[in-house]
Amino acid sequence: METAKKLVMTFKSEGDNVVNFTIDDPKDNLTEAEVISAMNLIVEKNIFSPGELDLVEAVKAKVVQTNTTEYDLKA
């Protein structure tokens, strides 16, 4: 079984669109304060403009872990 971890950050852009950014394998000791700070910096510095729309608000963040089991179908 393979375990994967991702940080999903959700923002609101102009026009009330929801935008998610996913970071694979975030560090284990990542703190809530670090995530909030990074998200606020992304909004303040206008680092990303998906679809030519500016991000206007950090909405939420979460760490998601998934377990994947692959089956060998050629056996």
PDB file of N, CA and C in Angstrom:
ATOM      1  N   MET A   1       0.846  -1.171   0.000  1.00  0.00           N
ATOM      2  CA  MET A   1       0.000   0.000   0.000  1.00  0.00           C
ATOM      3  C   MET A   1       0.893   1.236   0.000  1.00  0.00           C
ATOM      4  N   GLU A   2       0.545   2.194  -0.844  1.00  0.00           N
ATOM      5  CA  GLU A   2       1.292   3.439  -0.952  1.00  0.00           C
ATOM      6  C   GLU A   2       0.475   4.572  -0.346  1.00  0.00           C
ATOM      7  N   THR A   3       1.133   5.377   0.487  1.00  0.00           N
ATOM      8  CA  THR A   3       0.464   6.513   1.112  1.00  0.00           C
ATOM      9  C   THR A   3       1.011   7.797   0.503  1.00  0.00           C
ATOM     10  N   ALA A   4       0.106   8.681   0.136  1.00  0.00           N
ATOM     11  CA  ALA A   4       0.490   9.982  -0.414  1.00  0.00           C
ATOM     12  C   ALA A   4      -0.127  11.073   0.453  1.00  0.00           C
ATOM     13  N   LYS A   5       0.611  12.180   0.574  1.00  0.00           N
ATOM     14  CA  LYS A   5       0.124  13.307   1.361  1.00  0.00           C
ATOM     15  C   LYS A   5       0.172  14.556   0.485  1.00  0.00           C
ATOM     16  N   LYS A   6      -0.879  15.381   0.567  1.00  0.00           N
ATOM     17  CA  LYS A   6      -0.952  16.615  -0.205  1.00  0.00           C
ATOM     18  C   LYS A   6      -1.510  17.732   0.667  1.00  0.00           C
ATOM     19  N   LEU A   7      -1.009  18.922   0.433  1.00  0.00           N
ATOM     20  CA  LEU A   7      -1.563  20.119   1.043  1.00  0.00           C
ATOM     21  C   LEU A   7      -2.453  20.773  -0.008  1.00  0.00           C
ATOM     22  N   VAL A   8      -3.717  20.962   0.324  1.00  0.00           N
ATOM     23  CA  VAL A   8      -4.662  21.602  -0.591  1.00  0.00           C
ATOM     24  C   VAL A   8      -5.021  22.970  -0.013  1.00  0.00           C
ATOM     25  N   MET A   9      -4.703  24.020  -0.772  1.00  0.00           N
ATOM     26  CA  MET A   9      -4.998  25.389  -0.349  1.00  0.00           C
ATOM     27  C   MET A   9      -6.103  25.927  -1.258  1.00  0.00           C
ATOM     28  N   THR A  10      -7.145  26.460  -0.654  1.00  0.00           N
ATOM     29  CA  THR A  10      -8.294  26.962  -1.404  1.00  0.00           C
ATOM     30  C   THR A  10      -8.373  28.486  -1.276  1.00  0.00           C
ATOM     31  N   PHE A  11      -8.517  29.124  -2.422  1.00  0.00           N
ATOM     32  CA  PHE A  11      -8.608  30.574  -2.506  1.00  0.00           C
ATOM     33  C   PHE A  11      -9.888  30.966  -3.232  1.00  0.00           C
ATOM     34  N   LYS A  12     -10.299  32.209  -3.024  1.00  0.00           N
ATOM     35  CA  LYS A  12     -11.384  32.794  -3.812  1.00  0.00           C
ATOM     36  C   LYS A  12     -10.736  33.822  -4.725  1.00  0.00           C
ATOM     37  N   SER A  13     -11.155  33.817  -5.996  1.00  0.00           N
ATOM     38  CA  SER A  13     -10.631  34.792  -6.942  1.00  0.00           C
ATOM     39  C   SER A  13     -11.703  35.810  -7.279  1.00  0.00           C
ATOM     40  N   GLU A  14     -11.306  36.812  -8.057  1.00  0.00           N
ATOM     41  CA  GLU A  14     -12.281  37.799  -8.520  1.00  0.00           C
ATOM     42  C   GLU A  14     -13.443  37.067  -9.179  1.00  0.00           C
ATOM     43  N   GLY A  15     -14.646  37.560  -8.986  1.00  0.00           N
ATOM     44  CA  GLY A  15     -15.807  36.903  -9.562  1.00  0.00           C
ATOM     45  C   GLY A  15     -16.288  35.726  -8.740  1.00  0.00           C
ATOM     46  N   ASP A  16     -15.774  35.593  -7.508  1.00  0.00           N
ATOM     47  CA  ASP A  16     -16.169  34.516  -6.578  1.00  0.00           C
ATOM     48  C   ASP A  16     -15.878  33.110  -7.086  1.00  0.00           C
ATOM     49  N   ASN A  17     -14.878  32.959  -7.932  1.00  0.00           N
ATOM     50  CA  ASN A  17     -14.460  31.624  -8.357  1.00  0.00           C
ATOM     51  C   ASN A  17     -13.609  30.999  -7.261  1.00  0.00           C
ATOM     52  N   VAL A  18     -13.691  29.679  -7.119  1.00  0.00           N
ATOM     53  CA  VAL A  18     -12.884  28.944  -6.148  1.00  0.00           C
ATOM     54  C   VAL A  18     -11.698  28.325  -6.885  1.00  0.00           C
ATOM     55  N   VAL A  19     -10.500  28.512  -6.322  1.00  0.00           N
ATOM     56  CA  VAL A  19      -9.268  28.011  -6.922  1.00  0.00           C
ATOM     57  C   VAL A  19      -8.531  27.186  -5.886  1.00  0.00           C
ATOM     58  N   ASN A  20      -8.133  25.968  -6.247  1.00  0.00           N
ATOM     59  CA  ASN A  20      -7.354  25.099  -5.365  1.00  0.00           C
ATOM     60  C   ASN A  20      -5.937  24.958  -5.898  1.00  0.00           C
ATOM     61  N   PHE A  21      -4.981  25.054  -5.003  1.00  0.00           N
ATOM     62  CA  PHE A  21      -3.591  24.729  -5.311  1.00  0.00           C
ATOM     63  C   PHE A  21      -3.215  23.527  -4.463  1.00  0.00           C
ATOM     64  N   THR A  22      -2.584  22.546  -5.076  1.00  0.00           N
ATOM     65  CA  THR A  22      -2.193  21.321  -4.380  1.00  0.00           C
ATOM     66  C   THR A  22      -0.683  21.193  -4.379  1.00  0.00           C
ATOM     67  N   ILE A  23      -0.129  20.966  -3.203  1.00  0.00           N
ATOM     68  CA  ILE A  23       1.312  20.764  -3.030  1.00  0.00           C
ATOM     69  C   ILE A  23       1.529  19.319  -2.609  1.00  0.00           C
ATOM     70  N   ASP A  24       2.266  18.568  -3.411  1.00  0.00           N
ATOM     71  CA  ASP A  24       2.574  17.181  -3.076  1.00  0.00           C
ATOM     72  C   ASP A  24       3.626  17.109  -1.975  1.00  0.00           C
ATOM     73  N   ASP A  25       3.487  16.151  -1.107  1.00  0.00           N
ATOM     74  CA  ASP A  25       4.459  15.841  -0.052  1.00  0.00           C
ATOM     75  C   ASP A  25       4.888  17.052   0.788  1.00  0.00           C
ATOM     76  N   PRO A  26       3.954  17.737   1.424  1.00  0.00           N
ATOM     77  CA  PRO A  26       4.362  18.839   2.301  1.00  0.00           C
ATOM     78  C   PRO A  26       5.184  18.304   3.465  1.00  0.00           C
ATOM     79  N   LYS A  27       6.042  19.133   4.015  1.00  0.00           N
ATOM     80  CA  LYS A  27       6.890  18.666   5.108  1.00  0.00           C
ATOM     81  C   LYS A  27       6.029  18.254   6.308  1.00  0.00           C
ATOM     82  N   ASP A  28       6.523  17.274   7.042  1.00  0.00           N
ATOM     83  CA  ASP A  28       5.767  16.707   8.160  1.00  0.00           C
ATOM     84  C   ASP A  28       5.522  17.700   9.295  1.00  0.00           C
ATOM     85  N   ASN A  29       6.447  18.617   9.504  1.00  0.00           N
ATOM     86  CA  ASN A  29       6.318  19.536  10.630  1.00  0.00           C
ATOM     87  C   ASN A  29       5.730  20.888  10.215  1.00  0.00           C
ATOM     88  N   LEU A  30       5.010  20.924   9.096  1.00  0.00           N
ATOM     89  CA  LEU A  30       4.363  22.143   8.630  1.00  0.00           C
ATOM     90  C   LEU A  30       3.318  22.592   9.646  1.00  0.00           C
ATOM     91  N   THR A  31       3.356  23.863  10.002  1.00  0.00           N
ATOM     92  CA  THR A  31       2.419  24.367  11.013  1.00  0.00           C
ATOM     93  C   THR A  31       1.274  25.138  10.353  1.00  0.00           C
ATOM     94  N   GLU A  32       0.201  25.264  11.098  1.00  0.00           N
ATOM     95  CA  GLU A  32      -0.946  26.038  10.630  1.00  0.00           C
ATOM     96  C   GLU A  32      -0.532  27.489  10.364  1.00  0.00           C
ATOM     97  N   ALA A  33       0.290  28.037  11.230  1.00  0.00           N
ATOM     98  CA  ALA A  33       0.749  29.419  11.066  1.00  0.00           C
ATOM     99  C   ALA A  33       1.545  29.590   9.770  1.00  0.00           C
ATOM    100  N   GLU A  34       2.377  28.618   9.425  1.00  0.00           N
ATOM    101  CA  GLU A  34       3.150  28.683   8.179  1.00  0.00           C
ATOM    102  C   GLU A  34       2.236  28.651   6.956  1.00  0.00           C
ATOM    103  N   VAL A  35       1.217  27.815   7.002  1.00  0.00           N
ATOM    104  CA  VAL A  35       0.280  27.710   5.881  1.00  0.00           C
ATOM    105  C   VAL A  35      -0.480  29.024   5.727  1.00  0.00           C
ATOM    106  N   ILE A  36      -0.993  29.553   6.824  1.00  0.00           N
ATOM    107  CA  ILE A  36      -1.738  30.817   6.781  1.00  0.00           C
ATOM    108  C   ILE A  36      -0.850  31.933   6.244  1.00  0.00           C
ATOM    109  N   SER A  37       0.373  32.011   6.727  1.00  0.00           N
ATOM    110  CA  SER A  37       1.309  33.034   6.281  1.00  0.00           C
ATOM    111  C   SER A  37       1.579  32.915   4.783  1.00  0.00           C
ATOM    112  N   ALA A  38       1.819  31.700   4.299  1.00  0.00           N
ATOM    113  CA  ALA A  38       2.097  31.485   2.877  1.00  0.00           C
ATOM    114  C   ALA A  38       0.891  31.853   2.020  1.00  0.00           C
ATOM    115  N   MET A  39      -0.298  31.468   2.469  1.00  0.00           N
ATOM    116  CA  MET A  39      -1.506  31.771   1.702  1.00  0.00           C
ATOM    117  C   MET A  39      -1.757  33.275   1.654  1.00  0.00           C
ATOM    118  N   ASN A  40      -1.565  33.946   2.772  1.00  0.00           N
ATOM    119  CA  ASN A  40      -1.742  35.400   2.798  1.00  0.00           C
ATOM    120  C   ASN A  40      -0.728  36.102   1.903  1.00  0.00           C
ATOM    121  N   LEU A  41       0.499  35.600   1.880  1.00  0.00           N
ATOM    122  CA  LEU A  41       1.534  36.161   1.021  1.00  0.00           C
ATOM    123  C   LEU A  41       1.170  35.985  -0.456  1.00  0.00           C
ATOM    124  N   ILE A  42       0.645  34.817  -0.801  1.00  0.00           N
ATOM    125  CA  ILE A  42       0.225  34.562  -2.188  1.00  0.00           C
ATOM    126  C   ILE A  42      -0.825  35.584  -2.614  1.00  0.00           C
ATOM    127  N   VAL A  43      -1.784  35.866  -1.735  1.00  0.00           N
ATOM    128  CA  VAL A  43      -2.831  36.843  -2.049  1.00  0.00           C
ATOM    129  C   VAL A  43      -2.252  38.261  -2.097  1.00  0.00           C
ATOM    130  N   GLU A  44      -1.476  38.632  -1.073  1.00  0.00           N
ATOM    131  CA  GLU A  44      -0.947  40.002  -0.975  1.00  0.00           C
ATOM    132  C   GLU A  44      -0.029  40.361  -2.139  1.00  0.00           C
ATOM    133  N   LYS A  45       0.836  39.436  -2.534  1.00  0.00           N
ATOM    134  CA  LYS A  45       1.818  39.701  -3.592  1.00  0.00           C
ATOM    135  C   LYS A  45       1.278  39.379  -4.980  1.00  0.00           C
ATOM    136  N   ASN A  46       0.028  38.901  -5.048  1.00  0.00           N
ATOM    137  CA  ASN A  46      -0.607  38.575  -6.325  1.00  0.00           C
ATOM    138  C   ASN A  46       0.287  37.642  -7.152  1.00  0.00           C
ATOM    139  N   ILE A  47       0.752  36.577  -6.509  1.00  0.00           N
ATOM    140  CA  ILE A  47       1.707  35.661  -7.122  1.00  0.00           C
ATOM    141  C   ILE A  47       1.087  34.852  -8.256  1.00  0.00           C
ATOM    142  N   PHE A  48      -0.169  34.451  -8.120  1.00  0.00           N
ATOM    143  CA  PHE A  48      -0.855  33.662  -9.139  1.00  0.00           C
ATOM    144  C   PHE A  48      -2.110  34.395  -9.599  1.00  0.00           C
ATOM    145  N   SER A  49      -2.398  34.291 -10.884  1.00  0.00           N
ATOM    146  CA  SER A  49      -3.637  34.850 -11.444  1.00  0.00           C
ATOM    147  C   SER A  49      -4.253  33.817 -12.380  1.00  0.00           C
ATOM    148  N   PRO A  50      -4.836  32.768 -11.806  1.00  0.00           N
ATOM    149  CA  PRO A  50      -5.407  31.724 -12.655  1.00  0.00           C
ATOM    150  C   PRO A  50      -6.554  32.259 -13.502  1.00  0.00           C
ATOM    151  N   GLY A  51      -6.529  31.973 -14.784  1.00  0.00           N
ATOM    152  CA  GLY A  51      -7.572  32.458 -15.670  1.00  0.00           C
ATOM    153  C   GLY A  51      -7.592  33.968 -15.776  1.00  0.00           C
ATOM    154  N   GLU A  52      -6.420  34.599 -15.557  1.00  0.00           N
ATOM    155  CA  GLU A  52      -6.309  36.056 -15.622  1.00  0.00           C
ATOM    156  C   GLU A  52      -7.109  36.771 -14.519  1.00  0.00           C
ATOM    157  N   LEU A  53      -7.509  36.030 -13.495  1.00  0.00           N
ATOM    158  CA  LEU A  53      -8.250  36.616 -12.373  1.00  0.00           C
ATOM    159  C   LEU A  53      -7.373  36.601 -11.130  1.00  0.00           C
ATOM    160  N   ASP A  54      -7.314  37.709 -10.426  1.00  0.00           N
ATOM    161  CA  ASP A  54      -6.514  37.798  -9.209  1.00  0.00           C
ATOM    162  C   ASP A  54      -7.175  37.031  -8.069  1.00  0.00           C
ATOM    163  N   LEU A  55      -6.339  36.446  -7.218  1.00  0.00           N
ATOM    164  CA  LEU A  55      -6.844  35.832  -5.997  1.00  0.00           C
ATOM    165  C   LEU A  55      -7.119  36.936  -4.993  1.00  0.00           C
ATOM    166  N   VAL A  56      -8.265  36.854  -4.312  1.00  0.00           N
ATOM    167  CA  VAL A  56      -8.639  37.935  -3.401  1.00  0.00           C
ATOM    168  C   VAL A  56      -8.754  37.496  -1.945  1.00  0.00           C
ATOM    169  N   GLU A  57      -8.814  36.170  -1.711  1.00  0.00           N
ATOM    170  CA  GLU A  57      -9.000  35.713  -0.330  1.00  0.00           C
ATOM    171  C   GLU A  57      -8.508  34.281  -0.165  1.00  0.00           C
ATOM    172  N   ALA A  58      -7.803  34.023   0.935  1.00  0.00           N
ATOM    173  CA  ALA A  58      -7.469  32.656   1.337  1.00  0.00           C
ATOM    174  C   ALA A  58      -8.683  32.110   2.081  1.00  0.00           C
ATOM    175  N   VAL A  59      -9.195  30.964   1.653  1.00  0.00           N
ATOM    176  CA  VAL A  59     -10.441  30.442   2.211  1.00  0.00           C
ATOM    177  C   VAL A  59     -10.199  29.318   3.212  1.00  0.00           C
ATOM    178  N   LYS A  60      -9.434  28.299   2.810  1.00  0.00           N
ATOM    179  CA  LYS A  60      -9.176  27.175   3.710  1.00  0.00           C
ATOM    180  C   LYS A  60      -7.978  26.392   3.214  1.00  0.00           C
ATOM    181  N   ALA A  61      -7.466  25.546   4.100  1.00  0.00           N
ATOM    182  CA  ALA A  61      -6.354  24.663   3.752  1.00  0.00           C
ATOM    183  C   ALA A  61      -6.529  23.358   4.501  1.00  0.00           C
ATOM    184  N   LYS A  62      -6.046  22.285   3.895  1.00  0.00           N
ATOM    185  CA  LYS A  62      -6.109  20.987   4.560  1.00  0.00           C
ATOM    186  C   LYS A  62      -5.005  20.089   4.020  1.00  0.00           C
ATOM    187  N   VAL A  63      -4.573  19.162   4.865  1.00  0.00           N
ATOM    188  CA  VAL A  63      -3.643  18.123   4.447  1.00  0.00           C
ATOM    189  C   VAL A  63      -4.467  16.866   4.234  1.00  0.00           C
ATOM    190  N   VAL A  64      -4.309  16.268   3.056  1.00  0.00           N
ATOM    191  CA  VAL A  64      -5.065  15.077   2.685  1.00  0.00           C
ATOM    192  C   VAL A  64      -4.091  13.919   2.528  1.00  0.00           C
ATOM    193  N   GLN A  65      -4.393  12.803   3.184  1.00  0.00           N
ATOM    194  CA  GLN A  65      -3.596  11.591   3.026  1.00  0.00           C
ATOM    195  C   GLN A  65      -4.447  10.548   2.343  1.00  0.00           C
ATOM    196  N   THR A  66      -3.860   9.881   1.344  1.00  0.00           N
ATOM    197  CA  THR A  66      -4.564   8.808   0.649  1.00  0.00           C
ATOM    198  C   THR A  66      -3.726   7.544   0.688  1.00  0.00           C
ATOM    199  N   ASN A  67      -4.401   6.433   0.810  1.00  0.00           N
ATOM    200  CA  ASN A  67      -3.750   5.126   0.722  1.00  0.00           C
ATOM    201  C   ASN A  67      -4.185   4.488  -0.587  1.00  0.00           C
ATOM    202  N   THR A  68      -3.217   4.015  -1.361  1.00  0.00           N
ATOM    203  CA  THR A  68      -3.502   3.424  -2.664  1.00  0.00           C
ATOM    204  C   THR A  68      -3.010   1.980  -2.661  1.00  0.00           C
ATOM    205  N   THR A  69      -3.877   1.085  -3.059  1.00  0.00           N
ATOM    206  CA  THR A  69      -3.509  -0.319  -3.223  1.00  0.00           C
ATOM    207  C   THR A  69      -3.663  -0.661  -4.705  1.00  0.00           C
ATOM    208  N   GLU A  70      -2.586  -1.066  -5.332  1.00  0.00           N
ATOM    209  CA  GLU A  70      -2.644  -1.465  -6.728  1.00  0.00           C
ATOM    210  C   GLU A  70      -2.707  -2.980  -6.829  1.00  0.00           C
ATOM    211  N   TYR A  71      -3.427  -3.440  -7.841  1.00  0.00           N
ATOM    212  CA  TYR A  71      -3.556  -4.869  -8.083  1.00  0.00           C
ATOM    213  C   TYR A  71      -2.872  -5.224  -9.389  1.00  0.00           C
ATOM    214  N   ASP A  72      -2.172  -6.360  -9.379  1.00  0.00           N
ATOM    215  CA  ASP A  72      -1.481  -6.841 -10.568  1.00  0.00           C
ATOM    216  C   ASP A  72      -2.476  -7.641 -11.401  1.00  0.00           C
ATOM    217  N   LEU A  73      -2.959  -7.047 -12.469  1.00  0.00           N
ATOM    218  CA  LEU A  73      -3.970  -7.706 -13.290  1.00  0.00           C
ATOM    219  C   LEU A  73      -3.383  -8.679 -14.305  1.00  0.00           C
ATOM    220  N   LYS A  74      -2.067  -8.776 -14.379  1.00  0.00           N
ATOM    221  CA  LYS A  74      -1.425  -9.663 -15.333  1.00  0.00           C
ATOM    222  C   LYS A  74      -1.005 -10.976 -14.723  1.00  0.00           C
ATOM    223  N   ALA A  75      -1.400 -11.193 -13.500  1.00  0.00           N
ATOM    224  CA  ALA A  75      -0.983 -12.414 -12.800  1.00  0.00           C
ATOM    225  C   ALA A  75      -1.832 -13.596 -13.221  1.00  0.00           C
TER     226      ALA A  75
END
